Amino acid sequence: MLEAFRNLTLTVVKLPTQVIRHLTSLTTLQQRLLALAGLEDTCYLRLVAHSSEPPQEISER
């Protein structure tokens, strides 16, 4: 299931007076998987709001 979310991209550009964020749109499959997991699309969109924090290292092991 995680394979379906592999190509998502969150881009954050910090300018002197603003921060611009762009999040890749979810595909129909990704939306369906979130729904099956009992999650709404808004949980995905909240990633943009919390993107000012530096990313934590994620291990695939």
N, C-alpha and C. Protein backbone atom coordinates (compact mmCIF):
# COMPACT_ATOMS: atom_id res chain seq x y z
N MET A 1 0.81 -1.19 0.00
CA MET A 1 0.00 0.00 0.00
C MET A 1 0.87 1.26 0.00
N LEU A 2 1.94 1.26 0.74
CA LEU A 2 2.81 2.44 0.77
C LEU A 2 3.42 2.75 -0.58
N GLU A 3 3.57 1.76 -1.40
CA GLU A 3 4.11 1.95 -2.76
C GLU A 3 3.27 2.97 -3.53
N ALA A 4 1.98 2.97 -3.31
CA ALA A 4 1.09 3.89 -4.02
C ALA A 4 1.36 5.35 -3.66
N PHE A 5 1.98 5.59 -2.50
CA PHE A 5 2.25 6.96 -2.05
C PHE A 5 3.71 7.37 -2.24
N ARG A 6 4.46 6.56 -2.92
CA ARG A 6 5.89 6.77 -3.07
C ARG A 6 6.26 8.06 -3.79
N ASN A 7 5.49 8.49 -4.76
CA ASN A 7 5.87 9.64 -5.59
C ASN A 7 5.28 10.97 -5.14
N LEU A 8 4.91 11.09 -3.90
CA LEU A 8 4.40 12.36 -3.40
C LEU A 8 5.55 13.31 -3.13
N THR A 9 5.31 14.59 -3.40
CA THR A 9 6.36 15.58 -3.19
C THR A 9 5.79 16.79 -2.47
N LEU A 10 6.47 17.20 -1.43
CA LEU A 10 6.16 18.45 -0.74
C LEU A 10 7.34 19.38 -1.00
N THR A 11 7.06 20.51 -1.65
CA THR A 11 8.09 21.49 -1.96
C THR A 11 7.88 22.71 -1.07
N VAL A 12 8.93 23.13 -0.42
CA VAL A 12 8.87 24.32 0.44
C VAL A 12 9.96 25.29 -0.03
N VAL A 13 9.52 26.50 -0.38
CA VAL A 13 10.45 27.54 -0.81
C VAL A 13 10.36 28.68 0.20
N LYS A 14 11.47 28.97 0.86
CA LYS A 14 11.50 30.04 1.86
C LYS A 14 12.09 31.29 1.22
N LEU A 15 11.28 32.33 1.19
CA LEU A 15 11.69 33.63 0.67
C LEU A 15 11.83 34.59 1.85
N PRO A 16 12.44 35.73 1.65
CA PRO A 16 12.63 36.66 2.78
C PRO A 16 11.33 37.05 3.48
N THR A 17 10.25 37.18 2.73
CA THR A 17 9.00 37.65 3.33
C THR A 17 7.87 36.63 3.34
N GLN A 18 8.11 35.43 2.80
CA GLN A 18 7.04 34.43 2.77
C GLN A 18 7.60 33.03 2.57
N VAL A 19 6.76 32.07 2.85
CA VAL A 19 7.10 30.67 2.60
C VAL A 19 6.02 30.13 1.66
N ILE A 20 6.47 29.56 0.55
CA ILE A 20 5.55 28.99 -0.44
C ILE A 20 5.65 27.48 -0.36
N ARG A 21 4.49 26.82 -0.28
CA ARG A 21 4.46 25.36 -0.19
C ARG A 21 3.60 24.79 -1.31
N HIS A 22 4.02 23.68 -1.86
CA HIS A 22 3.23 22.97 -2.86
C HIS A 22 3.28 21.49 -2.55
N LEU A 23 2.12 20.86 -2.58
CA LEU A 23 2.00 19.45 -2.30
C LEU A 23 1.40 18.76 -3.52
N THR A 24 2.02 17.68 -3.97
CA THR A 24 1.52 16.93 -5.10
C THR A 24 0.08 16.51 -4.83
N SER A 25 -0.77 16.63 -5.83
CA SER A 25 -2.16 16.21 -5.69
C SER A 25 -2.25 14.69 -5.55
N LEU A 26 -3.24 14.24 -4.82
CA LEU A 26 -3.47 12.80 -4.67
C LEU A 26 -4.12 12.24 -5.92
N THR A 27 -3.70 11.05 -6.29
CA THR A 27 -4.36 10.35 -7.39
C THR A 27 -5.66 9.75 -6.88
N THR A 28 -6.49 9.28 -7.79
CA THR A 28 -7.74 8.63 -7.41
C THR A 28 -7.45 7.41 -6.53
N LEU A 29 -6.42 6.65 -6.88
CA LEU A 29 -6.06 5.48 -6.09
C LEU A 29 -5.65 5.88 -4.67
N GLN A 30 -4.85 6.91 -4.55
CA GLN A 30 -4.40 7.37 -3.24
C GLN A 30 -5.57 7.85 -2.40
N GLN A 31 -6.50 8.56 -3.02
CA GLN A 31 -7.69 9.02 -2.30
C GLN A 31 -8.51 7.82 -1.81
N ARG A 32 -8.63 6.81 -2.66
CA ARG A 32 -9.39 5.61 -2.29
C ARG A 32 -8.71 4.87 -1.13
N LEU A 33 -7.39 4.76 -1.17
CA LEU A 33 -6.67 4.09 -0.10
C LEU A 33 -6.83 4.82 1.23
N LEU A 34 -6.78 6.15 1.19
CA LEU A 34 -7.00 6.91 2.42
C LEU A 34 -8.40 6.66 2.96
N ALA A 35 -9.38 6.64 2.06
CA ALA A 35 -10.77 6.39 2.48
C ALA A 35 -10.92 5.01 3.09
N LEU A 36 -10.29 4.02 2.49
CA LEU A 36 -10.36 2.65 3.02
C LEU A 36 -9.69 2.55 4.39
N ALA A 37 -8.70 3.41 4.64
CA ALA A 37 -8.01 3.43 5.92
C ALA A 37 -8.78 4.28 6.95
N GLY A 38 -9.90 4.85 6.53
CA GLY A 38 -10.70 5.66 7.43
C GLY A 38 -10.19 7.08 7.59
N LEU A 39 -9.39 7.53 6.64
CA LEU A 39 -8.81 8.88 6.70
C LEU A 39 -9.43 9.76 5.62
N GLU A 40 -9.52 11.04 5.90
CA GLU A 40 -10.02 12.00 4.92
C GLU A 40 -8.85 12.63 4.18
N ASP A 41 -9.13 13.19 3.00
CA ASP A 41 -8.09 13.88 2.23
C ASP A 41 -7.45 15.02 3.03
N THR A 42 -8.19 15.59 3.97
CA THR A 42 -7.67 16.72 4.74
C THR A 42 -6.46 16.34 5.59
N CYS A 43 -6.36 15.08 5.98
CA CYS A 43 -5.16 14.67 6.75
C CYS A 43 -3.92 14.81 5.89
N TYR A 44 -4.05 14.57 4.60
CA TYR A 44 -2.94 14.72 3.67
C TYR A 44 -2.61 16.20 3.50
N LEU A 45 -3.63 17.02 3.35
CA LEU A 45 -3.40 18.45 3.13
C LEU A 45 -2.79 19.13 4.35
N ARG A 46 -2.97 18.55 5.53
CA ARG A 46 -2.36 19.12 6.74
C ARG A 46 -0.84 19.03 6.70
N LEU A 47 -0.30 18.21 5.83
CA LEU A 47 1.16 18.14 5.69
C LEU A 47 1.74 19.50 5.32
N VAL A 48 1.01 20.26 4.52
CA VAL A 48 1.48 21.59 4.12
C VAL A 48 1.55 22.50 5.33
N ALA A 49 0.57 22.44 6.19
CA ALA A 49 0.54 23.31 7.36
C ALA A 49 1.68 22.99 8.32
N HIS A 50 2.09 21.74 8.39
CA HIS A 50 3.14 21.32 9.32
C HIS A 50 4.50 21.21 8.65
N SER A 51 4.63 21.72 7.45
CA SER A 51 5.87 21.53 6.70
C SER A 51 6.96 22.52 7.07
N SER A 52 6.69 23.46 7.95
CA SER A 52 7.74 24.40 8.34
C SER A 52 8.75 23.76 9.30
N GLU A 53 8.36 22.64 9.88
CA GLU A 53 9.28 21.90 10.74
C GLU A 53 10.30 21.16 9.88
N PRO A 54 11.55 21.09 10.31
CA PRO A 54 12.52 20.30 9.52
C PRO A 54 12.10 18.84 9.52
N PRO A 55 12.31 18.14 8.40
CA PRO A 55 11.90 16.75 8.33
C PRO A 55 12.72 15.88 9.28
N GLN A 56 12.06 14.88 9.85
CA GLN A 56 12.77 13.92 10.67
C GLN A 56 13.27 12.81 9.77
N GLU A 57 14.39 12.22 10.14
CA GLU A 57 14.93 11.14 9.35
C GLU A 57 14.01 9.93 9.45
N ILE A 58 13.68 9.36 8.30
CA ILE A 58 12.80 8.20 8.25
C ILE A 58 13.60 7.01 7.74
N SER A 59 13.52 5.93 8.43
CA SER A 59 14.22 4.72 8.03
C SER A 59 13.23 3.74 7.44
N GLU A 60 13.61 3.08 6.35
CA GLU A 60 12.74 2.08 5.74
C GLU A 60 13.01 0.70 6.31
N ARG A 61 13.88 0.60 7.27
CA ARG A 61 14.21 -0.70 7.84
C ARG A 61 13.31 -1.08 8.96
